[in-house]
């Protein structure tokens, strides 16, 4: 009986090692373009959509850009007059990708850019322009070859966590 159990265990371990030994084709390939459209989950302002575009320059490395908007209604000074504050961010980003799990793309990298305010002088005093330097840590899961979801930890000038839909172009 012990020999049969040992034989079954060896068979299962052998079949498991064969299945893990087969190379999975990466969901992230040189030349592909990923477009993320998302919103902030931990926002600094009330409404903050973001758009990122990543170009794979190799099977594990991408470069791209980010654009984000942040808007909120606020009272400026003591005028008790409600005004819409509008902040914009533009940045360049680069990331390394880990794609060994089927349909998953894990990535981490850096992003640098500029956050600026468009509005009157009173708004500009309260929401100053600033340089953005941040780290990126995120993941994408693809349901199909061209459609997926993403989640990302980074500071885009308006939110610390973003999530949304991913399109592979």
C-alpha atoms as a PDB file:
ATOM      1  CA  UNK A   1       0.000   0.000   0.000  1.00  0.00           C
ATOM      2  CA  UNK A   2       2.870   2.380   0.811  1.00  0.00           C
ATOM      3  CA  UNK A   3       4.366   1.745  -2.631  1.00  0.00           C
ATOM      4  CA  UNK A   4       1.088   2.604  -4.356  1.00  0.00           C
ATOM      5  CA  UNK A   5       0.741   5.847  -2.339  1.00  0.00           C
ATOM      6  CA  UNK A   6       4.354   6.757  -3.123  1.00  0.00           C
ATOM      7  CA  UNK A   7       3.759   6.006  -6.811  1.00  0.00           C
ATOM      8  CA  UNK A   8       0.634   8.220  -6.846  1.00  0.00           C
ATOM      9  CA  UNK A   9       2.481  11.092  -5.119  1.00  0.00           C
ATOM     10  CA  UNK A  10       5.393  10.806  -7.581  1.00  0.00           C
ATOM     11  CA  UNK A  11       2.966  10.771 -10.514  1.00  0.00           C
ATOM     12  CA  UNK A  12       1.135  13.872  -9.242  1.00  0.00           C
ATOM     13  CA  UNK A  13       4.367  15.774  -8.548  1.00  0.00           C
ATOM     14  CA  UNK A  14       5.732  14.811 -11.950  1.00  0.00           C
ATOM     15  CA  UNK A  15       2.599  15.959 -13.783  1.00  0.00           C
ATOM     16  CA  UNK A  16       2.592  19.179 -11.755  1.00  0.00           C
ATOM     17  CA  UNK A  17       6.210  19.923 -12.663  1.00  0.00           C
ATOM     18  CA  UNK A  18       5.480  19.251 -16.344  1.00  0.00           C
ATOM     19  CA  UNK A  19       2.551  21.699 -16.327  1.00  0.00           C
ATOM     20  CA  UNK A  20       4.641  24.420 -14.632  1.00  0.00           C
ATOM     21  CA  UNK A  21       7.543  23.718 -16.959  1.00  0.00           C
ATOM     22  CA  UNK A  22       5.576  24.812 -20.023  1.00  0.00           C
ATOM     23  CA  UNK A  23       6.277  28.439 -20.824  1.00  0.00           C
ATOM     24  CA  UNK A  24       3.252  30.731 -20.812  1.00  0.00           C
ATOM     25  CA  UNK A  25       3.221  33.422 -23.482  1.00  0.00           C
ATOM     26  CA  UNK A  26       3.443  36.821 -21.859  1.00  0.00           C
ATOM     27  CA  UNK A  27       0.427  39.143 -22.021  1.00  0.00           C
ATOM     28  CA  UNK A  28       2.905  42.041 -22.341  1.00  0.00           C
ATOM     29  CA  UNK A  29       4.866  42.109 -25.610  1.00  0.00           C
ATOM     30  CA  UNK A  30       7.235  44.556 -27.284  1.00  0.00           C
ATOM     31  CA  UNK A  31       5.374  47.096 -29.421  1.00  0.00           C
ATOM     32  CA  UNK A  32       1.987  46.849 -27.755  1.00  0.00           C
ATOM     33  CA  UNK A  33       0.172  49.890 -26.396  1.00  0.00           C
ATOM     34  CA  UNK A  34      -1.932  49.880 -23.212  1.00  0.00           C
ATOM     35  CA  UNK A  35      -4.479  52.602 -22.471  1.00  0.00           C
ATOM     36  CA  UNK A  36      -5.790  52.919 -18.892  1.00  0.00           C
ATOM     37  CA  UNK A  37      -8.875  55.034 -18.194  1.00  0.00           C
ATOM     38  CA  UNK A  38      -9.573  55.342 -14.488  1.00  0.00           C
ATOM     39  CA  UNK A  39     -10.755  57.330 -11.507  1.00  0.00           C
ATOM     40  CA  UNK A  40      -9.223  57.982  -8.117  1.00  0.00           C
ATOM     41  CA  UNK A  41     -10.381  55.769  -5.247  1.00  0.00           C
ATOM     42  CA  UNK A  42      -8.697  57.815  -2.523  1.00  0.00           C
ATOM     43  CA  UNK A  43      -9.173  61.271  -4.005  1.00  0.00           C
ATOM     44  CA  UNK A  44      -7.829  64.572  -2.848  1.00  0.00           C
ATOM     45  CA  UNK A  45     -10.430  66.443  -4.905  1.00  0.00           C
ATOM     46  CA  UNK A  46     -14.045  65.430  -5.589  1.00  0.00           C
ATOM     47  CA  UNK A  47     -13.768  64.319  -9.205  1.00  0.00           C
ATOM     48  CA  UNK A  48     -10.510  62.999 -10.647  1.00  0.00           C
ATOM     49  CA  UNK A  49     -10.387  60.962 -13.868  1.00  0.00           C
ATOM     50  CA  UNK A  50      -7.013  59.883 -15.238  1.00  0.00           C
ATOM     51  CA  UNK A  51      -5.647  58.562 -18.511  1.00  0.00           C
ATOM     52  CA  UNK A  52      -2.369  56.681 -18.966  1.00  0.00           C
ATOM     53  CA  UNK A  53      -0.786  55.371 -22.139  1.00  0.00           C
ATOM     54  CA  UNK A  54       2.086  52.845 -22.007  1.00  0.00           C
ATOM     55  CA  UNK A  55       4.215  51.637 -24.926  1.00  0.00           C
ATOM     56  CA  UNK A  56       6.118  48.368 -24.455  1.00  0.00           C
ATOM     57  CA  UNK A  57       9.685  48.976 -25.644  1.00  0.00           C
ATOM     58  CA  UNK A  58      10.643  45.412 -24.677  1.00  0.00           C
ATOM     59  CA  UNK A  59       8.864  42.381 -23.220  1.00  0.00           C
ATOM     60  CA  UNK A  60       9.458  43.697 -19.672  1.00  0.00           C
ATOM     61  CA  UNK A  61       9.816  47.494 -19.966  1.00  0.00           C
ATOM     62  CA  UNK A  62       7.432  50.307 -20.939  1.00  0.00           C
ATOM     63  CA  UNK A  63       7.469  54.072 -21.290  1.00  0.00           C
ATOM     64  CA  UNK A  64       4.416  56.275 -21.415  1.00  0.00           C
ATOM     65  CA  UNK A  65       2.498  59.284 -20.256  1.00  0.00           C
ATOM     66  CA  UNK A  66      -0.233  60.263 -17.830  1.00  0.00           C
ATOM     67  CA  UNK A  67      -2.856  62.997 -17.862  1.00  0.00           C
ATOM     68  CA  UNK A  68      -5.193  63.627 -14.929  1.00  0.00           C
ATOM     69  CA  UNK A  69      -7.814  66.155 -13.914  1.00  0.00           C
ATOM     70  CA  UNK A  70      -9.024  67.101 -10.470  1.00  0.00           C
ATOM     71  CA  UNK A  71     -12.035  69.241  -9.739  1.00  0.00           C
ATOM     72  CA  UNK A  72     -13.923  70.254  -6.629  1.00  0.00           C
ATOM     73  CA  UNK A  73     -16.238  73.009  -5.471  1.00  0.00           C
ATOM     74  CA  UNK A  74     -14.684  75.122  -2.754  1.00  0.00           C
ATOM     75  CA  UNK A  75     -15.131  78.405  -0.954  1.00  0.00           C
ATOM     76  CA  UNK A  76     -12.354  80.859  -1.718  1.00  0.00           C
ATOM     77  CA  UNK A  77     -11.262  83.106   1.162  1.00  0.00           C
ATOM     78  CA  UNK A  78     -14.101  84.624   3.155  1.00  0.00           C
ATOM     79  CA  UNK A  79     -16.230  85.652   0.197  1.00  0.00           C
ATOM     80  CA  UNK A  80     -18.477  82.635   0.776  1.00  0.00           C
ATOM     81  CA  UNK A  81     -18.589  82.319  -2.958  1.00  0.00           C
ATOM     82  CA  UNK A  82     -18.438  78.806  -4.318  1.00  0.00           C
ATOM     83  CA  UNK A  83     -15.969  78.290  -7.178  1.00  0.00           C
ATOM     84  CA  UNK A  84     -14.802  75.245  -9.055  1.00  0.00           C
ATOM     85  CA  UNK A  85     -11.140  74.428  -8.518  1.00  0.00           C
ATOM     86  CA  UNK A  86      -9.558  72.779 -11.573  1.00  0.00           C
ATOM     87  CA  UNK A  87      -6.157  71.090 -11.345  1.00  0.00           C
ATOM     88  CA  UNK A  88      -4.422  69.242 -14.181  1.00  0.00           C
ATOM     89  CA  UNK A  89      -1.436  66.887 -14.152  1.00  0.00           C
ATOM     90  CA  UNK A  90       0.807  65.756 -16.998  1.00  0.00           C
ATOM     91  CA  UNK A  91       3.651  63.286 -16.490  1.00  0.00           C
ATOM     92  CA  UNK A  92       5.997  60.829 -18.157  1.00  0.00           C
ATOM     93  CA  UNK A  93       6.350  57.338 -16.721  1.00  0.00           C
ATOM     94  CA  UNK A  94       8.410  54.184 -17.097  1.00  0.00           C
ATOM     95  CA  UNK A  95       7.828  50.745 -15.640  1.00  0.00           C
ATOM     96  CA  UNK A  96       9.155  47.198 -15.426  1.00  0.00           C
ATOM     97  CA  UNK A  97       6.609  44.395 -15.964  1.00  0.00           C
ATOM     98  CA  UNK A  98       6.263  40.905 -14.497  1.00  0.00           C
ATOM     99  CA  UNK A  99       3.963  38.754 -16.630  1.00  0.00           C
ATOM    100  CA  UNK A 100       4.513  35.130 -15.619  1.00  0.00           C
ATOM    101  CA  UNK A 101       0.911  34.610 -14.465  1.00  0.00           C
ATOM    102  CA  UNK A 102      -1.751  34.049 -17.115  1.00  0.00           C
ATOM    103  CA  UNK A 103      -3.714  37.218 -18.016  1.00  0.00           C
ATOM    104  CA  UNK A 104      -1.963  39.250 -15.271  1.00  0.00           C
ATOM    105  CA  UNK A 105       0.522  42.083 -15.741  1.00  0.00           C
ATOM    106  CA  UNK A 106       2.233  43.352 -12.575  1.00  0.00           C
ATOM    107  CA  UNK A 107       4.328  46.491 -12.927  1.00  0.00           C
ATOM    108  CA  UNK A 108       6.323  48.981 -10.941  1.00  0.00           C
ATOM    109  CA  UNK A 109       8.216  52.090 -11.907  1.00  0.00           C
ATOM    110  CA  UNK A 110       8.550  55.853 -11.610  1.00  0.00           C
ATOM    111  CA  UNK A 111       6.620  58.843 -12.862  1.00  0.00           C
ATOM    112  CA  UNK A 112       7.598  62.500 -13.089  1.00  0.00           C
ATOM    113  CA  UNK A 113       5.677  65.514 -14.310  1.00  0.00           C
ATOM    114  CA  UNK A 114       3.896  68.699 -13.355  1.00  0.00           C
ATOM    115  CA  UNK A 115       0.594  69.579 -11.633  1.00  0.00           C
ATOM    116  CA  UNK A 116      -0.862  72.963 -12.525  1.00  0.00           C
ATOM    117  CA  UNK A 117      -3.967  74.988 -11.749  1.00  0.00           C
ATOM    118  CA  UNK A 118      -6.177  76.754 -14.262  1.00  0.00           C
ATOM    119  CA  UNK A 119      -8.377  79.401 -12.745  1.00  0.00           C
ATOM    120  CA  UNK A 120      -8.355  82.814 -11.181  1.00  0.00           C
ATOM    121  CA  UNK A 121      -5.687  84.234  -8.904  1.00  0.00           C
ATOM    122  CA  UNK A 122      -7.553  83.257  -5.712  1.00  0.00           C
ATOM    123  CA  UNK A 123      -7.612  79.581  -6.766  1.00  0.00           C
ATOM    124  CA  UNK A 124      -3.939  79.605  -7.700  1.00  0.00           C
ATOM    125  CA  UNK A 125      -2.998  80.801  -4.206  1.00  0.00           C
ATOM    126  CA  UNK A 126      -4.751  77.850  -2.554  1.00  0.00           C
ATOM    127  CA  UNK A 127      -3.805  75.159  -5.103  1.00  0.00           C
ATOM    128  CA  UNK A 128      -0.201  75.766  -6.051  1.00  0.00           C
ATOM    129  CA  UNK A 129       1.534  74.376  -9.102  1.00  0.00           C
ATOM    130  CA  UNK A 130       4.076  71.674  -8.289  1.00  0.00           C
ATOM    131  CA  UNK A 131       6.404  69.048  -9.729  1.00  0.00           C
ATOM    132  CA  UNK A 132       5.261  65.440  -9.367  1.00  0.00           C
ATOM    133  CA  UNK A 133       7.743  62.650  -8.612  1.00  0.00           C
ATOM    134  CA  UNK A 134       6.277  59.347  -7.542  1.00  0.00           C
ATOM    135  CA  UNK A 135       6.615  55.599  -7.665  1.00  0.00           C
ATOM    136  CA  UNK A 136       4.096  53.406  -9.476  1.00  0.00           C
ATOM    137  CA  UNK A 137       2.911  49.978  -8.350  1.00  0.00           C
ATOM    138  CA  UNK A 138       0.058  48.404 -10.255  1.00  0.00           C
ATOM    139  CA  UNK A 139      -1.544  45.432 -11.934  1.00  0.00           C
ATOM    140  CA  UNK A 140      -3.716  44.692 -14.943  1.00  0.00           C
ATOM    141  CA  UNK A 141      -5.973  41.712 -15.525  1.00  0.00           C
ATOM    142  CA  UNK A 142      -7.185  40.956 -19.060  1.00  0.00           C
ATOM    143  CA  UNK A 143     -10.526  39.282 -19.728  1.00  0.00           C
ATOM    144  CA  UNK A 144      -9.833  39.202 -23.450  1.00  0.00           C
ATOM    145  CA  UNK A 145      -6.819  40.031 -25.599  1.00  0.00           C
ATOM    146  CA  UNK A 146      -7.834  43.711 -25.763  1.00  0.00           C
ATOM    147  CA  UNK A 147      -9.953  44.400 -22.670  1.00  0.00           C
ATOM    148  CA  UNK A 148      -9.091  44.356 -18.979  1.00  0.00           C
ATOM    149  CA  UNK A 149      -9.142  46.177 -15.657  1.00  0.00           C
ATOM    150  CA  UNK A 150      -6.335  47.850 -13.729  1.00  0.00           C
ATOM    151  CA  UNK A 151      -5.481  49.085 -10.257  1.00  0.00           C
ATOM    152  CA  UNK A 152      -2.550  51.331  -9.410  1.00  0.00           C
ATOM    153  CA  UNK A 153      -0.895  52.887  -6.364  1.00  0.00           C
ATOM    154  CA  UNK A 154       0.720  56.207  -7.285  1.00  0.00           C
ATOM    155  CA  UNK A 155       0.195  59.894  -6.695  1.00  0.00           C
ATOM    156  CA  UNK A 156      -0.993  61.504  -9.919  1.00  0.00           C
ATOM    157  CA  UNK A 157      -1.575  64.883  -8.286  1.00  0.00           C
ATOM    158  CA  UNK A 158      -5.192  64.103  -7.429  1.00  0.00           C
ATOM    159  CA  UNK A 159      -5.403  60.599  -5.955  1.00  0.00           C
ATOM    160  CA  UNK A 160      -3.244  57.923  -4.339  1.00  0.00           C
ATOM    161  CA  UNK A 161      -5.088  54.892  -5.753  1.00  0.00           C
ATOM    162  CA  UNK A 162      -6.591  54.660  -9.230  1.00  0.00           C
ATOM    163  CA  UNK A 163      -8.666  51.916 -10.801  1.00  0.00           C
ATOM    164  CA  UNK A 164     -10.488  51.497 -14.066  1.00  0.00           C
ATOM    165  CA  UNK A 165     -10.603  49.851 -17.445  1.00  0.00           C
ATOM    166  CA  UNK A 166      -7.670  48.884 -19.675  1.00  0.00           C
ATOM    167  CA  UNK A 167      -7.630  48.727 -23.460  1.00  0.00           C
ATOM    168  CA  UNK A 168      -4.816  46.992 -25.298  1.00  0.00           C
ATOM    169  CA  UNK A 169      -4.462  48.701 -28.662  1.00  0.00           C
END
